[in-house]
Amino acid sequence: MTAFVKSPSAFKLMREPEAAEYLQLSISYLRKLRMGKITSSPPITFFKIGRAVRYAREDLDQWLGNQGRYQTTAQVPTPKKYEK
């Protein structure tokens, strides 16, 4: 079996504070996302090395790219015009 290895430059791992700053989130919110406690968003991919948690920039970019929304409601009602 052949292991898939990315080049070192493409595989920079970030610690929790770095990843939270990169995503402009608090560390506690990032942890909740990782553990799946935020149900409105899919969990963030992470690496567990011993007790250390690390995030790949590529995974953070992919997660962030999937967070875009076009609208927050299914149908936006148009205001009615009242005639005199």
C-alpha atoms as a PDB file:
ATOM      1  CA  MET A   1       0.000   0.000   0.000  1.00  0.00           C
ATOM      2  CA  THR A   2       1.380   3.398  -0.977  1.00  0.00           C
ATOM      3  CA  ALA A   3       0.932   6.328   1.385  1.00  0.00           C
ATOM      4  CA  PHE A   4      -0.209   9.656  -0.037  1.00  0.00           C
ATOM      5  CA  VAL A   5       2.219  12.391   0.993  1.00  0.00           C
ATOM      6  CA  LYS A   6       1.819  16.052   0.155  1.00  0.00           C
ATOM      7  CA  SER A   7       4.817  18.281  -0.344  1.00  0.00           C
ATOM      8  CA  PRO A   8       5.946  19.971   2.905  1.00  0.00           C
ATOM      9  CA  SER A   9       5.190  23.461   1.572  1.00  0.00           C
ATOM     10  CA  ALA A  10       1.578  22.502   0.773  1.00  0.00           C
ATOM     11  CA  PHE A  11       1.074  20.751   4.100  1.00  0.00           C
ATOM     12  CA  LYS A  12       1.675  23.416   6.739  1.00  0.00           C
ATOM     13  CA  LEU A  13      -0.147  22.464   9.903  1.00  0.00           C
ATOM     14  CA  MET A  14      -1.510  25.175  12.167  1.00  0.00           C
ATOM     15  CA  ARG A  15      -2.077  25.088  15.894  1.00  0.00           C
ATOM     16  CA  GLU A  16      -5.486  26.019  17.298  1.00  0.00           C
ATOM     17  CA  PRO A  17      -4.677  29.700  17.943  1.00  0.00           C
ATOM     18  CA  GLU A  18      -3.265  30.120  14.430  1.00  0.00           C
ATOM     19  CA  ALA A  19      -6.249  28.384  12.816  1.00  0.00           C
ATOM     20  CA  ALA A  20      -8.729  30.436  14.855  1.00  0.00           C
ATOM     21  CA  GLU A  21      -6.980  33.660  13.879  1.00  0.00           C
ATOM     22  CA  TYR A  22      -6.851  32.591  10.223  1.00  0.00           C
ATOM     23  CA  LEU A  23     -10.627  31.953  10.221  1.00  0.00           C
ATOM     24  CA  GLN A  24     -11.291  34.997  12.436  1.00  0.00           C
ATOM     25  CA  LEU A  25     -13.053  32.804  15.026  1.00  0.00           C
ATOM     26  CA  SER A  26     -12.523  32.306  18.737  1.00  0.00           C
ATOM     27  CA  ILE A  27     -10.626  29.209  19.821  1.00  0.00           C
ATOM     28  CA  SER A  28     -13.663  27.914  21.718  1.00  0.00           C
ATOM     29  CA  TYR A  29     -15.891  28.266  18.633  1.00  0.00           C
ATOM     30  CA  LEU A  30     -13.262  26.484  16.512  1.00  0.00           C
ATOM     31  CA  ARG A  31     -13.238  23.620  19.045  1.00  0.00           C
ATOM     32  CA  LYS A  32     -17.035  23.383  18.920  1.00  0.00           C
ATOM     33  CA  LEU A  33     -16.897  23.230  15.112  1.00  0.00           C
ATOM     34  CA  ARG A  34     -14.280  20.484  15.280  1.00  0.00           C
ATOM     35  CA  MET A  35     -16.362  18.409  17.682  1.00  0.00           C
ATOM     36  CA  GLY A  36     -19.551  18.836  15.645  1.00  0.00           C
ATOM     37  CA  LYS A  37     -21.378  20.806  18.348  1.00  0.00           C
ATOM     38  CA  ILE A  38     -22.361  23.524  15.861  1.00  0.00           C
ATOM     39  CA  THR A  39     -25.095  21.806  13.865  1.00  0.00           C
ATOM     40  CA  SER A  40     -25.502  24.569  11.287  1.00  0.00           C
ATOM     41  CA  SER A  41     -22.032  23.884   9.895  1.00  0.00           C
ATOM     42  CA  PRO A  42     -20.101  20.705   8.995  1.00  0.00           C
ATOM     43  CA  PRO A  43     -17.185  19.785  11.288  1.00  0.00           C
ATOM     44  CA  ILE A  44     -13.724  21.052  10.371  1.00  0.00           C
ATOM     45  CA  THR A  45     -11.156  18.444   9.356  1.00  0.00           C
ATOM     46  CA  PHE A  46      -8.267  18.226  11.813  1.00  0.00           C
ATOM     47  CA  PHE A  47      -5.260  16.079  12.706  1.00  0.00           C
ATOM     48  CA  LYS A  48      -4.659  14.604  16.116  1.00  0.00           C
ATOM     49  CA  ILE A  49      -0.966  14.014  16.829  1.00  0.00           C
ATOM     50  CA  GLY A  50      -0.748  12.627  20.335  1.00  0.00           C
ATOM     51  CA  ARG A  51      -2.704  15.173  22.347  1.00  0.00           C
ATOM     52  CA  ALA A  52      -1.984  17.978  19.889  1.00  0.00           C
ATOM     53  CA  VAL A  53      -4.688  19.172  17.481  1.00  0.00           C
ATOM     54  CA  ARG A  54      -3.532  20.591  14.153  1.00  0.00           C
ATOM     55  CA  TYR A  55      -5.309  22.010  11.114  1.00  0.00           C
ATOM     56  CA  ALA A  56      -4.115  22.077   7.489  1.00  0.00           C
ATOM     57  CA  ARG A  57      -4.579  25.426   5.756  1.00  0.00           C
ATOM     58  CA  GLU A  58      -5.986  23.631   2.706  1.00  0.00           C
ATOM     59  CA  ASP A  59      -8.719  22.041   4.853  1.00  0.00           C
ATOM     60  CA  LEU A  60      -9.553  25.387   6.471  1.00  0.00           C
ATOM     61  CA  ASP A  61      -9.821  27.036   3.056  1.00  0.00           C
ATOM     62  CA  GLN A  62     -12.102  24.260   1.815  1.00  0.00           C
ATOM     63  CA  TRP A  63     -14.330  24.521   4.913  1.00  0.00           C
ATOM     64  CA  LEU A  64     -14.486  28.293   4.580  1.00  0.00           C
ATOM     65  CA  GLY A  65     -15.370  28.050   0.891  1.00  0.00           C
ATOM     66  CA  ASN A  66     -18.344  25.847   1.760  1.00  0.00           C
ATOM     67  CA  GLN A  67     -19.752  28.415   4.188  1.00  0.00           C
ATOM     68  CA  GLY A  68     -21.005  30.891   1.553  1.00  0.00           C
ATOM     69  CA  ARG A  69     -24.703  31.675   1.502  1.00  0.00           C
ATOM     70  CA  TYR A  70     -26.730  33.445  -1.132  1.00  0.00           C
ATOM     71  CA  GLN A  71     -29.670  34.145   1.147  1.00  0.00           C
ATOM     72  CA  THR A  72     -30.720  33.250   4.651  1.00  0.00           C
ATOM     73  CA  THR A  73     -34.363  32.503   3.923  1.00  0.00           C
ATOM     74  CA  ALA A  74     -35.992  30.308   1.321  1.00  0.00           C
ATOM     75  CA  GLN A  75     -38.186  33.072  -0.063  1.00  0.00           C
ATOM     76  CA  VAL A  76     -37.850  36.780   0.528  1.00  0.00           C
ATOM     77  CA  PRO A  77     -41.312  38.369   0.388  1.00  0.00           C
ATOM     78  CA  THR A  78     -41.642  41.582  -1.541  1.00  0.00           C
ATOM     79  CA  PRO A  79     -43.372  44.447   0.264  1.00  0.00           C
ATOM     80  CA  LYS A  80     -46.918  45.159  -0.818  1.00  0.00           C
ATOM     81  CA  LYS A  81     -47.741  48.555  -2.204  1.00  0.00           C
ATOM     82  CA  TYR A  82     -50.843  50.108  -0.773  1.00  0.00           C
ATOM     83  CA  GLU A  83     -53.031  52.207  -3.002  1.00  0.00           C
ATOM     84  CA  LYS A  84     -55.188  55.083  -1.753  1.00  0.00           C
END
